[in-house]
N, C-alpha and C. Protein backbone atom coordinates (compact mmCIF):
# COMPACT_ATOMS: atom_id res chain seq x y z
N MET A 1 -27.33 133.18 -1.63
CA MET A 1 -28.39 132.97 -0.65
C MET A 1 -29.74 133.42 -1.23
N ASN A 2 -30.76 132.64 -0.99
CA ASN A 2 -32.09 132.93 -1.50
C ASN A 2 -32.71 134.06 -0.67
N ARG A 3 -32.83 135.25 -1.28
CA ARG A 3 -33.33 136.42 -0.55
C ARG A 3 -34.78 136.27 -0.12
N LYS A 4 -35.58 135.61 -0.98
CA LYS A 4 -36.99 135.41 -0.64
C LYS A 4 -37.11 134.55 0.60
N LYS A 5 -36.32 133.49 0.67
CA LYS A 5 -36.34 132.63 1.85
C LYS A 5 -35.89 133.39 3.09
N LEU A 6 -34.88 134.22 2.92
CA LEU A 6 -34.37 135.00 4.06
C LEU A 6 -35.44 135.97 4.57
N VAL A 7 -36.12 136.63 3.66
CA VAL A 7 -37.18 137.56 4.06
C VAL A 7 -38.29 136.81 4.80
N ASN A 8 -38.66 135.66 4.26
CA ASN A 8 -39.69 134.84 4.92
C ASN A 8 -39.25 134.43 6.32
N SER A 9 -37.97 134.09 6.47
CA SER A 9 -37.43 133.70 7.77
C SER A 9 -37.51 134.85 8.76
N LEU A 10 -37.17 136.05 8.30
CA LEU A 10 -37.22 137.22 9.17
C LEU A 10 -38.65 137.54 9.58
N ILE A 11 -39.59 137.33 8.67
CA ILE A 11 -41.01 137.55 8.99
C ILE A 11 -41.47 136.56 10.07
N ILE A 12 -41.09 135.30 9.90
CA ILE A 12 -41.47 134.28 10.89
C ILE A 12 -40.84 134.59 12.24
N LEU A 13 -39.59 135.03 12.24
CA LEU A 13 -38.92 135.43 13.47
C LEU A 13 -39.67 136.58 14.14
N ALA A 14 -40.07 137.56 13.36
CA ALA A 14 -40.79 138.72 13.90
C ALA A 14 -42.12 138.29 14.52
N VAL A 15 -42.84 137.40 13.82
CA VAL A 15 -44.12 136.90 14.35
C VAL A 15 -43.89 136.16 15.67
N THR A 16 -42.84 135.36 15.73
CA THR A 16 -42.52 134.61 16.95
C THR A 16 -42.22 135.54 18.11
N VAL A 17 -41.41 136.56 17.85
CA VAL A 17 -41.05 137.52 18.90
C VAL A 17 -42.29 138.28 19.38
N VAL A 18 -43.10 138.77 18.44
CA VAL A 18 -44.31 139.52 18.80
C VAL A 18 -45.27 138.66 19.61
N PHE A 19 -45.47 137.42 19.17
CA PHE A 19 -46.37 136.53 19.89
C PHE A 19 -45.86 136.27 21.31
N THR A 20 -44.56 136.06 21.44
CA THR A 20 -43.98 135.81 22.76
C THR A 20 -44.16 137.02 23.68
N VAL A 21 -43.95 138.21 23.15
CA VAL A 21 -44.15 139.43 23.94
C VAL A 21 -45.61 139.57 24.37
N LEU A 22 -46.53 139.25 23.47
CA LEU A 22 -47.95 139.33 23.80
C LEU A 22 -48.32 138.34 24.91
N VAL A 23 -47.74 137.14 24.84
CA VAL A 23 -47.98 136.15 25.88
C VAL A 23 -47.50 136.67 27.23
N MET A 24 -46.43 137.44 27.22
CA MET A 24 -45.88 138.00 28.45
C MET A 24 -46.71 139.16 29.01
N MET A 25 -47.53 139.78 28.15
CA MET A 25 -48.17 141.02 28.56
C MET A 25 -49.70 140.99 28.60
N LEU A 26 -50.32 140.26 27.68
CA LEU A 26 -51.78 140.37 27.51
C LEU A 26 -52.56 139.42 28.42
N ASP A 27 -53.62 139.95 29.00
CA ASP A 27 -54.60 139.16 29.76
C ASP A 27 -53.92 138.24 30.78
N LYS A 28 -53.00 138.78 31.55
CA LYS A 28 -52.32 137.97 32.57
C LYS A 28 -53.21 137.86 33.80
N ALA A 29 -53.32 136.64 34.29
CA ALA A 29 -54.14 136.39 35.48
C ALA A 29 -53.60 135.15 36.19
N PRO A 30 -53.82 135.06 37.52
CA PRO A 30 -53.29 133.92 38.30
C PRO A 30 -54.17 132.68 38.16
N VAL A 31 -54.16 132.08 36.99
CA VAL A 31 -55.02 130.91 36.74
C VAL A 31 -54.24 129.59 36.83
N GLY A 32 -52.92 129.67 37.00
CA GLY A 32 -52.11 128.46 37.08
C GLY A 32 -51.98 127.95 38.50
N PRO A 33 -51.36 126.79 38.69
CA PRO A 33 -51.12 126.27 40.04
C PRO A 33 -50.32 127.27 40.87
N TYR A 34 -50.62 127.30 42.17
CA TYR A 34 -49.98 128.26 43.08
C TYR A 34 -50.21 129.70 42.62
N SER A 35 -51.32 129.91 41.95
CA SER A 35 -51.70 131.25 41.46
C SER A 35 -50.65 131.87 40.55
N THR A 36 -49.96 131.03 39.79
CA THR A 36 -49.00 131.56 38.83
C THR A 36 -49.73 132.31 37.73
N GLU A 37 -49.20 133.48 37.38
CA GLU A 37 -49.84 134.32 36.37
C GLU A 37 -49.54 133.83 34.97
N ILE A 38 -50.56 133.73 34.15
CA ILE A 38 -50.46 133.20 32.80
C ILE A 38 -50.98 134.22 31.80
N GLY A 39 -50.22 134.44 30.73
CA GLY A 39 -50.67 135.31 29.66
C GLY A 39 -51.78 134.66 28.84
N PHE A 40 -52.59 135.49 28.17
CA PHE A 40 -53.75 134.99 27.44
C PHE A 40 -54.56 134.05 28.35
N SER A 41 -54.75 134.49 29.58
CA SER A 41 -55.32 133.61 30.61
C SER A 41 -56.72 133.11 30.27
N THR A 42 -57.54 133.94 29.64
CA THR A 42 -58.92 133.53 29.35
C THR A 42 -58.97 132.33 28.41
N VAL A 43 -58.30 132.46 27.27
CA VAL A 43 -58.31 131.37 26.30
C VAL A 43 -57.52 130.18 26.81
N ASN A 44 -56.40 130.44 27.48
CA ASN A 44 -55.60 129.33 28.00
C ASN A 44 -56.34 128.54 29.06
N ASP A 45 -57.02 129.24 29.96
CA ASP A 45 -57.75 128.57 31.01
C ASP A 45 -58.91 127.76 30.43
N TYR A 46 -59.58 128.31 29.40
CA TYR A 46 -60.70 127.61 28.77
C TYR A 46 -60.22 126.32 28.10
N VAL A 47 -59.16 126.43 27.29
CA VAL A 47 -58.66 125.25 26.56
C VAL A 47 -58.10 124.23 27.54
N SER A 48 -57.43 124.70 28.59
CA SER A 48 -56.88 123.77 29.58
C SER A 48 -57.99 122.98 30.25
N GLY A 49 -59.15 123.61 30.44
CA GLY A 49 -60.28 122.92 31.03
C GLY A 49 -60.84 121.81 30.14
N LEU A 50 -60.60 121.94 28.85
CA LEU A 50 -61.06 120.92 27.90
C LEU A 50 -60.15 119.70 27.88
N PHE A 51 -58.89 119.92 28.32
CA PHE A 51 -57.89 118.86 28.23
C PHE A 51 -57.21 118.64 29.58
N PRO A 52 -57.86 117.90 30.49
CA PRO A 52 -57.20 117.54 31.75
C PRO A 52 -56.04 116.58 31.47
N PHE A 53 -55.20 116.36 32.47
CA PHE A 53 -54.03 115.51 32.26
C PHE A 53 -54.43 114.13 31.76
N ASN A 54 -53.73 113.69 30.70
CA ASN A 54 -53.98 112.38 30.11
C ASN A 54 -52.64 111.66 30.00
N SER A 55 -52.46 110.62 30.80
CA SER A 55 -51.17 109.93 30.87
C SER A 55 -50.83 109.22 29.55
N PHE A 56 -51.85 108.74 28.84
CA PHE A 56 -51.59 108.04 27.57
C PHE A 56 -50.98 109.00 26.55
N PHE A 57 -51.62 110.15 26.36
CA PHE A 57 -51.11 111.12 25.40
C PHE A 57 -49.74 111.66 25.83
N TYR A 58 -49.57 111.85 27.13
CA TYR A 58 -48.29 112.33 27.64
C TYR A 58 -47.18 111.33 27.34
N THR A 59 -47.44 110.04 27.59
CA THR A 59 -46.44 109.00 27.31
C THR A 59 -46.18 108.88 25.82
N LEU A 60 -47.25 108.98 25.02
CA LEU A 60 -47.09 108.88 23.57
C LEU A 60 -46.17 109.98 23.04
N THR A 61 -46.35 111.20 23.53
CA THR A 61 -45.50 112.29 23.06
C THR A 61 -44.05 112.10 23.51
N LYS A 62 -43.86 111.51 24.68
CA LYS A 62 -42.49 111.22 25.13
C LYS A 62 -41.83 110.21 24.20
N ILE A 63 -42.59 109.21 23.78
CA ILE A 63 -42.05 108.20 22.86
C ILE A 63 -41.69 108.84 21.53
N ILE A 64 -42.57 109.70 21.02
CA ILE A 64 -42.29 110.40 19.76
C ILE A 64 -41.04 111.26 19.91
N GLY A 65 -40.87 111.87 21.07
CA GLY A 65 -39.67 112.65 21.32
C GLY A 65 -38.41 111.81 21.23
N TYR A 66 -38.44 110.61 21.82
CA TYR A 66 -37.29 109.72 21.75
C TYR A 66 -37.02 109.26 20.31
N VAL A 67 -38.09 109.00 19.57
CA VAL A 67 -37.94 108.59 18.18
C VAL A 67 -37.29 109.71 17.36
N SER A 68 -37.71 110.95 17.60
CA SER A 68 -37.13 112.08 16.87
C SER A 68 -35.65 112.24 17.21
N LEU A 69 -35.29 112.03 18.47
CA LEU A 69 -33.88 112.11 18.86
C LEU A 69 -33.05 111.03 18.15
N LEU A 70 -33.63 109.84 18.02
CA LEU A 70 -32.93 108.77 17.29
C LEU A 70 -32.75 109.14 15.83
N GLY A 71 -33.78 109.77 15.25
CA GLY A 71 -33.69 110.21 13.86
C GLY A 71 -32.60 111.24 13.66
N GLY A 72 -32.53 112.22 14.57
CA GLY A 72 -31.46 113.21 14.49
C GLY A 72 -30.11 112.59 14.72
N GLY A 73 -30.05 111.63 15.66
CA GLY A 73 -28.78 110.95 15.94
C GLY A 73 -28.26 110.15 14.76
N ALA A 74 -29.16 109.69 13.89
CA ALA A 74 -28.75 108.92 12.72
C ALA A 74 -27.83 109.75 11.82
N PHE A 75 -28.10 111.05 11.76
CA PHE A 75 -27.26 111.91 10.91
C PHE A 75 -25.91 112.18 11.56
N ALA A 76 -25.86 112.12 12.90
CA ALA A 76 -24.57 112.20 13.58
C ALA A 76 -23.73 110.98 13.22
N VAL A 77 -24.39 109.82 13.14
CA VAL A 77 -23.69 108.59 12.76
C VAL A 77 -23.18 108.71 11.32
N VAL A 78 -24.00 109.29 10.44
CA VAL A 78 -23.57 109.50 9.05
C VAL A 78 -22.34 110.39 9.01
N GLY A 79 -22.34 111.45 9.81
CA GLY A 79 -21.20 112.35 9.84
C GLY A 79 -19.94 111.67 10.34
N ILE A 80 -20.07 110.86 11.38
CA ILE A 80 -18.91 110.13 11.91
C ILE A 80 -18.39 109.13 10.88
N TYR A 81 -19.31 108.45 10.21
CA TYR A 81 -18.92 107.50 9.17
C TYR A 81 -18.15 108.20 8.05
N GLN A 82 -18.67 109.36 7.62
CA GLN A 82 -17.98 110.10 6.57
C GLN A 82 -16.60 110.56 7.02
N LEU A 83 -16.49 110.96 8.27
CA LEU A 83 -15.20 111.42 8.79
C LEU A 83 -14.17 110.30 8.74
N PHE A 84 -14.56 109.09 9.15
CA PHE A 84 -13.61 107.98 9.18
C PHE A 84 -13.30 107.44 7.79
N THR A 85 -14.27 107.45 6.90
CA THR A 85 -14.04 106.90 5.57
C THR A 85 -13.34 107.90 4.65
N ARG A 86 -13.64 109.19 4.83
CA ARG A 86 -13.04 110.22 3.98
C ARG A 86 -11.79 110.83 4.60
N LYS A 87 -11.58 110.53 5.90
CA LYS A 87 -10.36 110.91 6.62
C LYS A 87 -10.09 112.41 6.61
N SER A 88 -11.14 113.19 6.63
CA SER A 88 -10.96 114.65 6.66
C SER A 88 -12.25 115.32 7.11
N LEU A 89 -12.13 116.26 8.05
CA LEU A 89 -13.30 117.03 8.49
C LEU A 89 -13.88 117.84 7.34
N ARG A 90 -13.01 118.27 6.46
CA ARG A 90 -13.44 119.11 5.34
C ARG A 90 -14.25 118.34 4.32
N LYS A 91 -14.14 117.00 4.35
CA LYS A 91 -14.86 116.18 3.37
C LYS A 91 -16.20 115.66 3.90
N VAL A 92 -16.51 115.97 5.16
CA VAL A 92 -17.83 115.63 5.68
C VAL A 92 -18.84 116.57 5.02
N ASP A 93 -19.99 116.05 4.65
CA ASP A 93 -21.00 116.85 3.95
C ASP A 93 -21.31 118.15 4.68
N ARG A 94 -21.40 119.21 3.92
CA ARG A 94 -21.78 120.50 4.49
C ARG A 94 -23.14 120.42 5.16
N LEU A 95 -24.04 119.62 4.59
CA LEU A 95 -25.38 119.48 5.14
C LEU A 95 -25.35 118.89 6.55
N ILE A 96 -24.41 117.98 6.80
CA ILE A 96 -24.26 117.40 8.13
C ILE A 96 -23.85 118.47 9.14
N TYR A 97 -22.93 119.34 8.72
CA TYR A 97 -22.52 120.43 9.61
C TYR A 97 -23.69 121.38 9.87
N CYS A 98 -24.49 121.64 8.84
CA CYS A 98 -25.65 122.51 9.02
C CYS A 98 -26.65 121.91 9.99
N LEU A 99 -26.86 120.60 9.89
CA LEU A 99 -27.75 119.92 10.84
C LEU A 99 -27.19 120.02 12.25
N GLY A 100 -25.90 119.79 12.38
CA GLY A 100 -25.27 119.90 13.69
C GLY A 100 -25.44 121.28 14.28
N GLY A 101 -25.27 122.30 13.44
CA GLY A 101 -25.46 123.68 13.89
C GLY A 101 -26.90 123.93 14.33
N LEU A 102 -27.84 123.41 13.55
CA LEU A 102 -29.26 123.56 13.89
C LEU A 102 -29.56 122.95 15.24
N TYR A 103 -29.05 121.74 15.48
CA TYR A 103 -29.34 121.05 16.73
C TYR A 103 -28.66 121.72 17.92
N LEU A 104 -27.49 122.31 17.69
CA LEU A 104 -26.83 123.07 18.75
C LEU A 104 -27.64 124.31 19.13
N VAL A 105 -28.13 125.02 18.12
CA VAL A 105 -28.97 126.19 18.37
C VAL A 105 -30.26 125.77 19.07
N LEU A 106 -30.83 124.66 18.63
CA LEU A 106 -32.03 124.14 19.26
C LEU A 106 -31.79 123.88 20.74
N GLY A 107 -30.65 123.25 21.05
CA GLY A 107 -30.31 122.99 22.44
C GLY A 107 -30.15 124.27 23.24
N ALA A 108 -29.52 125.28 22.64
CA ALA A 108 -29.33 126.56 23.32
C ALA A 108 -30.66 127.24 23.60
N VAL A 109 -31.56 127.20 22.61
CA VAL A 109 -32.89 127.80 22.79
C VAL A 109 -33.67 127.04 23.87
N TYR A 110 -33.55 125.73 23.83
CA TYR A 110 -34.21 124.87 24.82
C TYR A 110 -33.82 125.28 26.25
N PHE A 111 -32.51 125.38 26.49
CA PHE A 111 -32.04 125.71 27.84
C PHE A 111 -32.31 127.16 28.19
N ALA A 112 -32.32 128.04 27.20
CA ALA A 112 -32.61 129.46 27.46
C ALA A 112 -34.02 129.63 28.01
N PHE A 113 -34.97 128.93 27.41
CA PHE A 113 -36.35 129.06 27.86
C PHE A 113 -36.62 128.32 29.17
N GLU A 114 -35.69 127.45 29.57
CA GLU A 114 -35.79 126.86 30.90
C GLU A 114 -35.45 127.89 31.97
N LYS A 115 -34.63 128.87 31.60
CA LYS A 115 -34.21 129.91 32.54
C LYS A 115 -35.08 131.16 32.44
N ILE A 116 -35.55 131.47 31.22
CA ILE A 116 -36.40 132.64 31.02
C ILE A 116 -37.85 132.19 31.14
N VAL A 117 -38.43 132.39 32.28
CA VAL A 117 -39.77 131.88 32.54
C VAL A 117 -40.82 132.86 32.03
N ILE A 118 -41.63 132.40 31.10
CA ILE A 118 -42.71 133.22 30.54
C ILE A 118 -44.06 132.74 31.05
N ASN A 119 -44.28 131.45 31.04
CA ASN A 119 -45.47 130.83 31.63
C ASN A 119 -45.06 129.58 32.39
N TYR A 120 -45.88 129.19 33.34
CA TYR A 120 -45.67 127.93 34.06
C TYR A 120 -46.71 126.91 33.61
N ARG A 121 -46.40 125.63 33.81
CA ARG A 121 -47.31 124.56 33.41
C ARG A 121 -48.67 124.71 34.10
N PRO A 122 -49.73 124.18 33.45
CA PRO A 122 -51.06 124.22 34.07
C PRO A 122 -51.25 123.17 35.15
N ILE A 123 -50.29 122.24 35.29
CA ILE A 123 -50.41 121.19 36.31
C ILE A 123 -49.04 120.94 36.93
N LEU A 124 -49.06 120.22 38.05
CA LEU A 124 -47.82 119.73 38.66
C LEU A 124 -47.63 118.28 38.24
N LEU A 125 -46.50 117.98 37.64
CA LEU A 125 -46.20 116.60 37.30
C LEU A 125 -45.65 115.87 38.52
N GLU A 126 -45.60 114.55 38.44
CA GLU A 126 -45.15 113.74 39.58
C GLU A 126 -43.73 114.16 40.00
N GLY A 127 -43.57 114.38 41.27
CA GLY A 127 -42.27 114.75 41.80
C GLY A 127 -42.01 116.24 41.85
N GLU A 128 -42.90 117.03 41.25
CA GLU A 128 -42.72 118.48 41.24
C GLU A 128 -43.40 119.10 42.47
N THR A 129 -42.73 120.10 43.05
CA THR A 129 -43.31 120.84 44.16
C THR A 129 -43.77 122.23 43.73
N TYR A 130 -43.40 122.59 42.50
CA TYR A 130 -43.81 123.88 41.93
C TYR A 130 -43.86 123.70 40.42
N PRO A 131 -44.82 124.34 39.75
CA PRO A 131 -44.95 124.13 38.30
C PRO A 131 -43.69 124.55 37.54
N ALA A 132 -43.34 123.75 36.54
CA ALA A 132 -42.15 124.01 35.73
C ALA A 132 -42.46 125.03 34.64
N PRO A 133 -41.44 125.71 34.12
CA PRO A 133 -41.64 126.62 32.98
C PRO A 133 -42.24 125.85 31.81
N SER A 134 -43.14 126.51 31.06
CA SER A 134 -43.85 125.77 30.01
C SER A 134 -43.86 126.46 28.65
N TYR A 135 -43.37 127.71 28.57
CA TYR A 135 -43.40 128.41 27.28
C TYR A 135 -41.99 128.61 26.75
N PRO A 136 -41.79 128.27 25.44
CA PRO A 136 -42.68 127.48 24.59
C PRO A 136 -42.61 126.01 24.98
N SER A 137 -43.51 125.21 24.48
CA SER A 137 -43.44 123.77 24.74
C SER A 137 -42.14 123.24 24.18
N SER A 138 -41.19 122.96 25.07
CA SER A 138 -39.87 122.50 24.61
C SER A 138 -39.95 121.15 23.92
N HIS A 139 -40.89 120.32 24.38
CA HIS A 139 -41.06 119.01 23.75
C HIS A 139 -41.57 119.16 22.32
N THR A 140 -42.57 120.03 22.15
CA THR A 140 -43.07 120.31 20.80
C THR A 140 -41.96 120.85 19.91
N MET A 141 -41.19 121.77 20.45
CA MET A 141 -40.11 122.40 19.71
C MET A 141 -39.04 121.38 19.30
N LEU A 142 -38.64 120.55 20.24
CA LEU A 142 -37.58 119.58 19.98
C LEU A 142 -37.98 118.59 18.89
N ALA A 143 -39.14 117.96 19.05
CA ALA A 143 -39.58 116.96 18.08
C ALA A 143 -39.86 117.58 16.72
N THR A 144 -40.48 118.76 16.71
CA THR A 144 -40.83 119.40 15.44
C THR A 144 -39.59 119.78 14.65
N VAL A 145 -38.62 120.39 15.30
CA VAL A 145 -37.40 120.81 14.60
C VAL A 145 -36.66 119.62 14.02
N ILE A 146 -36.50 118.58 14.80
CA ILE A 146 -35.74 117.41 14.32
C ILE A 146 -36.47 116.71 13.19
N LEU A 147 -37.76 116.44 13.38
CA LEU A 147 -38.51 115.74 12.33
C LEU A 147 -38.63 116.57 11.07
N TRP A 148 -38.83 117.87 11.22
CA TRP A 148 -38.93 118.77 10.07
C TRP A 148 -37.60 118.83 9.32
N SER A 149 -36.52 118.85 10.05
CA SER A 149 -35.20 118.90 9.40
C SER A 149 -34.94 117.61 8.63
N ILE A 150 -35.41 116.49 9.15
CA ILE A 150 -35.25 115.22 8.43
C ILE A 150 -36.01 115.26 7.11
N ILE A 151 -37.22 115.83 7.14
CA ILE A 151 -38.00 115.96 5.91
C ILE A 151 -37.22 116.76 4.87
N LEU A 152 -36.52 117.81 5.31
CA LEU A 152 -35.80 118.68 4.38
C LEU A 152 -34.55 118.03 3.79
N VAL A 153 -33.87 117.19 4.58
CA VAL A 153 -32.56 116.69 4.12
C VAL A 153 -32.60 115.27 3.58
N ILE A 154 -33.69 114.56 3.80
CA ILE A 154 -33.70 113.13 3.49
C ILE A 154 -33.45 112.84 2.01
N ASP A 155 -33.88 113.75 1.13
CA ASP A 155 -33.66 113.54 -0.30
C ASP A 155 -32.17 113.45 -0.65
N SER A 156 -31.34 114.09 0.16
CA SER A 156 -29.90 114.08 -0.11
C SER A 156 -29.24 112.77 0.29
N TYR A 157 -29.93 111.95 1.08
CA TYR A 157 -29.32 110.72 1.57
C TYR A 157 -30.08 109.45 1.19
N VAL A 158 -31.33 109.60 0.81
CA VAL A 158 -32.11 108.46 0.31
C VAL A 158 -32.52 108.78 -1.11
N LYS A 159 -31.85 108.18 -2.06
CA LYS A 159 -32.06 108.53 -3.47
C LYS A 159 -33.30 107.90 -4.08
N ASN A 160 -33.79 106.81 -3.47
CA ASN A 160 -35.01 106.19 -3.96
C ASN A 160 -36.20 107.04 -3.54
N ILE A 161 -36.94 107.57 -4.49
CA ILE A 161 -38.01 108.53 -4.19
C ILE A 161 -39.11 107.91 -3.33
N LYS A 162 -39.39 106.62 -3.52
CA LYS A 162 -40.44 105.98 -2.74
C LYS A 162 -40.05 105.90 -1.27
N TYR A 163 -38.80 105.50 -1.00
CA TYR A 163 -38.33 105.40 0.38
C TYR A 163 -38.25 106.79 1.02
N ALA A 164 -37.75 107.76 0.25
CA ALA A 164 -37.63 109.12 0.78
C ALA A 164 -39.00 109.69 1.13
N ASN A 165 -39.97 109.49 0.25
CA ASN A 165 -41.31 110.00 0.50
C ASN A 165 -41.97 109.29 1.69
N ALA A 166 -41.68 108.00 1.85
CA ALA A 166 -42.22 107.25 2.99
C ALA A 166 -41.68 107.82 4.30
N ILE A 167 -40.39 108.13 4.32
CA ILE A 167 -39.78 108.71 5.52
C ILE A 167 -40.37 110.09 5.81
N LYS A 168 -40.56 110.88 4.76
CA LYS A 168 -41.18 112.20 4.94
C LYS A 168 -42.58 112.07 5.53
N LEU A 169 -43.35 111.12 5.01
CA LEU A 169 -44.72 110.93 5.49
C LEU A 169 -44.72 110.54 6.97
N VAL A 170 -43.84 109.62 7.33
CA VAL A 170 -43.76 109.19 8.74
C VAL A 170 -43.40 110.37 9.63
N CYS A 171 -42.42 111.16 9.20
CA CYS A 171 -42.01 112.33 9.99
C CYS A 171 -43.15 113.33 10.13
N PHE A 172 -43.87 113.56 9.05
CA PHE A 172 -44.99 114.51 9.09
C PHE A 172 -46.09 114.03 10.03
N VAL A 173 -46.40 112.74 9.95
CA VAL A 173 -47.44 112.17 10.82
C VAL A 173 -47.01 112.27 12.28
N LEU A 174 -45.74 111.94 12.56
CA LEU A 174 -45.24 112.02 13.93
C LEU A 174 -45.29 113.45 14.45
N MET A 175 -44.92 114.41 13.60
CA MET A 175 -44.98 115.82 14.01
C MET A 175 -46.40 116.21 14.37
N THR A 176 -47.34 115.85 13.52
CA THR A 176 -48.74 116.22 13.73
C THR A 176 -49.30 115.58 14.99
N VAL A 177 -49.07 114.28 15.12
CA VAL A 177 -49.56 113.56 16.29
C VAL A 177 -48.94 114.13 17.57
N ASN A 178 -47.65 114.45 17.51
CA ASN A 178 -46.97 114.99 18.68
C ASN A 178 -47.58 116.31 19.14
N VAL A 179 -47.84 117.21 18.18
CA VAL A 179 -48.41 118.52 18.54
C VAL A 179 -49.81 118.36 19.12
N VAL A 180 -50.65 117.58 18.44
CA VAL A 180 -52.03 117.40 18.89
C VAL A 180 -52.08 116.72 20.26
N CYS A 181 -51.31 115.65 20.41
CA CYS A 181 -51.34 114.88 21.66
C CYS A 181 -50.67 115.62 22.80
N ARG A 182 -49.70 116.48 22.48
CA ARG A 182 -49.07 117.26 23.55
C ARG A 182 -50.09 118.22 24.16
N LEU A 183 -50.92 118.82 23.32
CA LEU A 183 -51.98 119.68 23.83
C LEU A 183 -53.01 118.85 24.58
N ALA A 184 -53.40 117.72 23.99
CA ALA A 184 -54.43 116.87 24.60
C ALA A 184 -53.95 116.22 25.90
N SER A 185 -52.63 116.15 26.11
CA SER A 185 -52.10 115.54 27.33
C SER A 185 -52.37 116.41 28.55
N GLY A 186 -52.62 117.70 28.33
CA GLY A 186 -52.96 118.59 29.44
C GLY A 186 -51.78 119.15 30.20
N VAL A 187 -50.54 118.97 29.68
CA VAL A 187 -49.36 119.45 30.41
C VAL A 187 -48.89 120.81 29.91
N HIS A 188 -49.60 121.38 28.94
CA HIS A 188 -49.23 122.69 28.42
C HIS A 188 -50.47 123.54 28.16
N TRP A 189 -50.27 124.85 28.22
CA TRP A 189 -51.29 125.79 27.78
C TRP A 189 -51.29 125.83 26.25
N LEU A 190 -52.39 126.29 25.69
CA LEU A 190 -52.49 126.41 24.23
C LEU A 190 -51.37 127.29 23.67
N THR A 191 -51.09 128.41 24.34
CA THR A 191 -50.05 129.31 23.83
C THR A 191 -48.66 128.69 23.90
N ASP A 192 -48.45 127.74 24.80
CA ASP A 192 -47.16 127.03 24.86
C ASP A 192 -46.95 126.24 23.57
N ILE A 193 -48.01 125.57 23.13
CA ILE A 193 -47.93 124.76 21.91
C ILE A 193 -47.71 125.66 20.69
N ILE A 194 -48.49 126.76 20.63
CA ILE A 194 -48.34 127.69 19.51
C ILE A 194 -46.93 128.26 19.50
N GLY A 195 -46.43 128.64 20.67
CA GLY A 195 -45.07 129.17 20.76
C GLY A 195 -44.03 128.16 20.31
N GLY A 196 -44.22 126.89 20.69
CA GLY A 196 -43.30 125.83 20.27
C GLY A 196 -43.26 125.68 18.76
N ILE A 197 -44.43 125.77 18.14
CA ILE A 197 -44.52 125.66 16.68
C ILE A 197 -43.84 126.86 16.03
N LEU A 198 -44.06 128.06 16.56
CA LEU A 198 -43.47 129.27 15.97
C LEU A 198 -41.95 129.27 16.10
N VAL A 199 -41.45 128.91 17.26
CA VAL A 199 -39.99 128.85 17.43
C VAL A 199 -39.39 127.79 16.49
N SER A 200 -40.07 126.66 16.36
CA SER A 200 -39.61 125.61 15.45
C SER A 200 -39.56 126.11 14.02
N ALA A 201 -40.63 126.80 13.60
CA ALA A 201 -40.69 127.33 12.24
C ALA A 201 -39.58 128.35 12.00
N THR A 202 -39.26 129.14 13.01
CA THR A 202 -38.18 130.12 12.90
C THR A 202 -36.84 129.42 12.68
N LEU A 203 -36.55 128.44 13.52
CA LEU A 203 -35.27 127.73 13.41
C LEU A 203 -35.16 127.00 12.07
N ILE A 204 -36.22 126.34 11.68
CA ILE A 204 -36.20 125.57 10.43
C ILE A 204 -36.07 126.49 9.22
N SER A 205 -36.73 127.63 9.27
CA SER A 205 -36.68 128.54 8.12
C SER A 205 -35.27 129.08 7.91
N PHE A 206 -34.57 129.41 8.99
CA PHE A 206 -33.19 129.88 8.86
C PHE A 206 -32.26 128.74 8.45
N PHE A 207 -32.54 127.54 8.95
CA PHE A 207 -31.77 126.37 8.51
C PHE A 207 -31.91 126.17 7.01
N ASP A 208 -33.13 126.32 6.51
CA ASP A 208 -33.40 126.16 5.08
C ASP A 208 -32.61 127.19 4.26
N VAL A 209 -32.53 128.41 4.78
CA VAL A 209 -31.78 129.46 4.08
C VAL A 209 -30.29 129.11 4.02
N ILE A 210 -29.75 128.66 5.14
CA ILE A 210 -28.31 128.41 5.23
C ILE A 210 -27.90 127.11 4.55
N ALA A 211 -28.72 126.07 4.74
CA ALA A 211 -28.32 124.73 4.25
C ALA A 211 -28.53 124.54 2.76
N PHE A 212 -29.55 125.21 2.21
CA PHE A 212 -29.89 124.99 0.81
C PHE A 212 -29.77 126.30 0.03
N LYS A 213 -28.68 126.46 -0.66
CA LYS A 213 -28.44 127.68 -1.43
C LYS A 213 -29.17 127.64 -2.77
N SER A 214 -29.58 126.44 -3.16
CA SER A 214 -30.27 126.28 -4.44
C SER A 214 -31.50 125.42 -4.24
N ASP A 215 -32.53 125.68 -5.01
CA ASP A 215 -33.74 124.88 -4.96
C ASP A 215 -33.78 123.80 -6.04
N THR A 216 -32.64 123.58 -6.69
CA THR A 216 -32.59 122.58 -7.77
C THR A 216 -32.71 121.18 -7.19
N PRO A 217 -33.72 120.42 -7.56
CA PRO A 217 -33.88 119.07 -7.01
C PRO A 217 -32.83 118.13 -7.53
N GLU A 218 -32.47 117.17 -6.66
CA GLU A 218 -31.50 116.15 -7.07
C GLU A 218 -32.20 115.02 -7.80
N GLU A 219 -31.46 114.38 -8.69
CA GLU A 219 -32.04 113.25 -9.43
C GLU A 219 -32.21 112.07 -8.50
N LYS A 220 -33.37 111.41 -8.59
CA LYS A 220 -33.64 110.26 -7.74
C LYS A 220 -34.17 109.10 -8.60
N THR A 221 -34.13 107.92 -8.02
CA THR A 221 -34.57 106.72 -8.75
C THR A 221 -35.90 106.26 -8.22
N GLU A 222 -36.62 105.57 -9.05
CA GLU A 222 -37.91 105.02 -8.63
C GLU A 222 -37.68 103.75 -7.82
């Protein structure tokens, strides 16, 4: 195991935990709907005022979320194909199992933060009678983790460097657009987005430690 990567992962985890605790404690004020108390209320309220609800950006981020789910699902299909062709669970790529583990942990974290309420949304969405939990931005977290994981593993499944790099570029662009537009959509506080990015970085960093024991690049074709 790469000790440097592990140390970096622990540092990112510590930063994520500290930031989350600060969001729970610092500058709390009833600036949300129904006077819900929000951490970092001054900066959150200011940034929220800059970005009122925008249905276009909100819909765009939902589409990116679905695209990321399809991308992650593609590796599930690869795993099923390997299982049927190789006729053994033990012969399915270790990387596929690592991805599956990452997505299971992602799902657990997603549902945990639905129950552990740290902040509430700055707005009520259609059909809501009370603001939903918003920290961290689960949508940001979901799309970022899946797209980032694809960037890390794609070299192992697409040997043509041009195609692999094109997929990485698309994933990076989608990640960036998703984060920016999720904030601009007005459905999250600034700290929700930052928290989503930090939790994503934590999960991905530990995935990198577990999934890749060596940094030796694989040979690829032009």
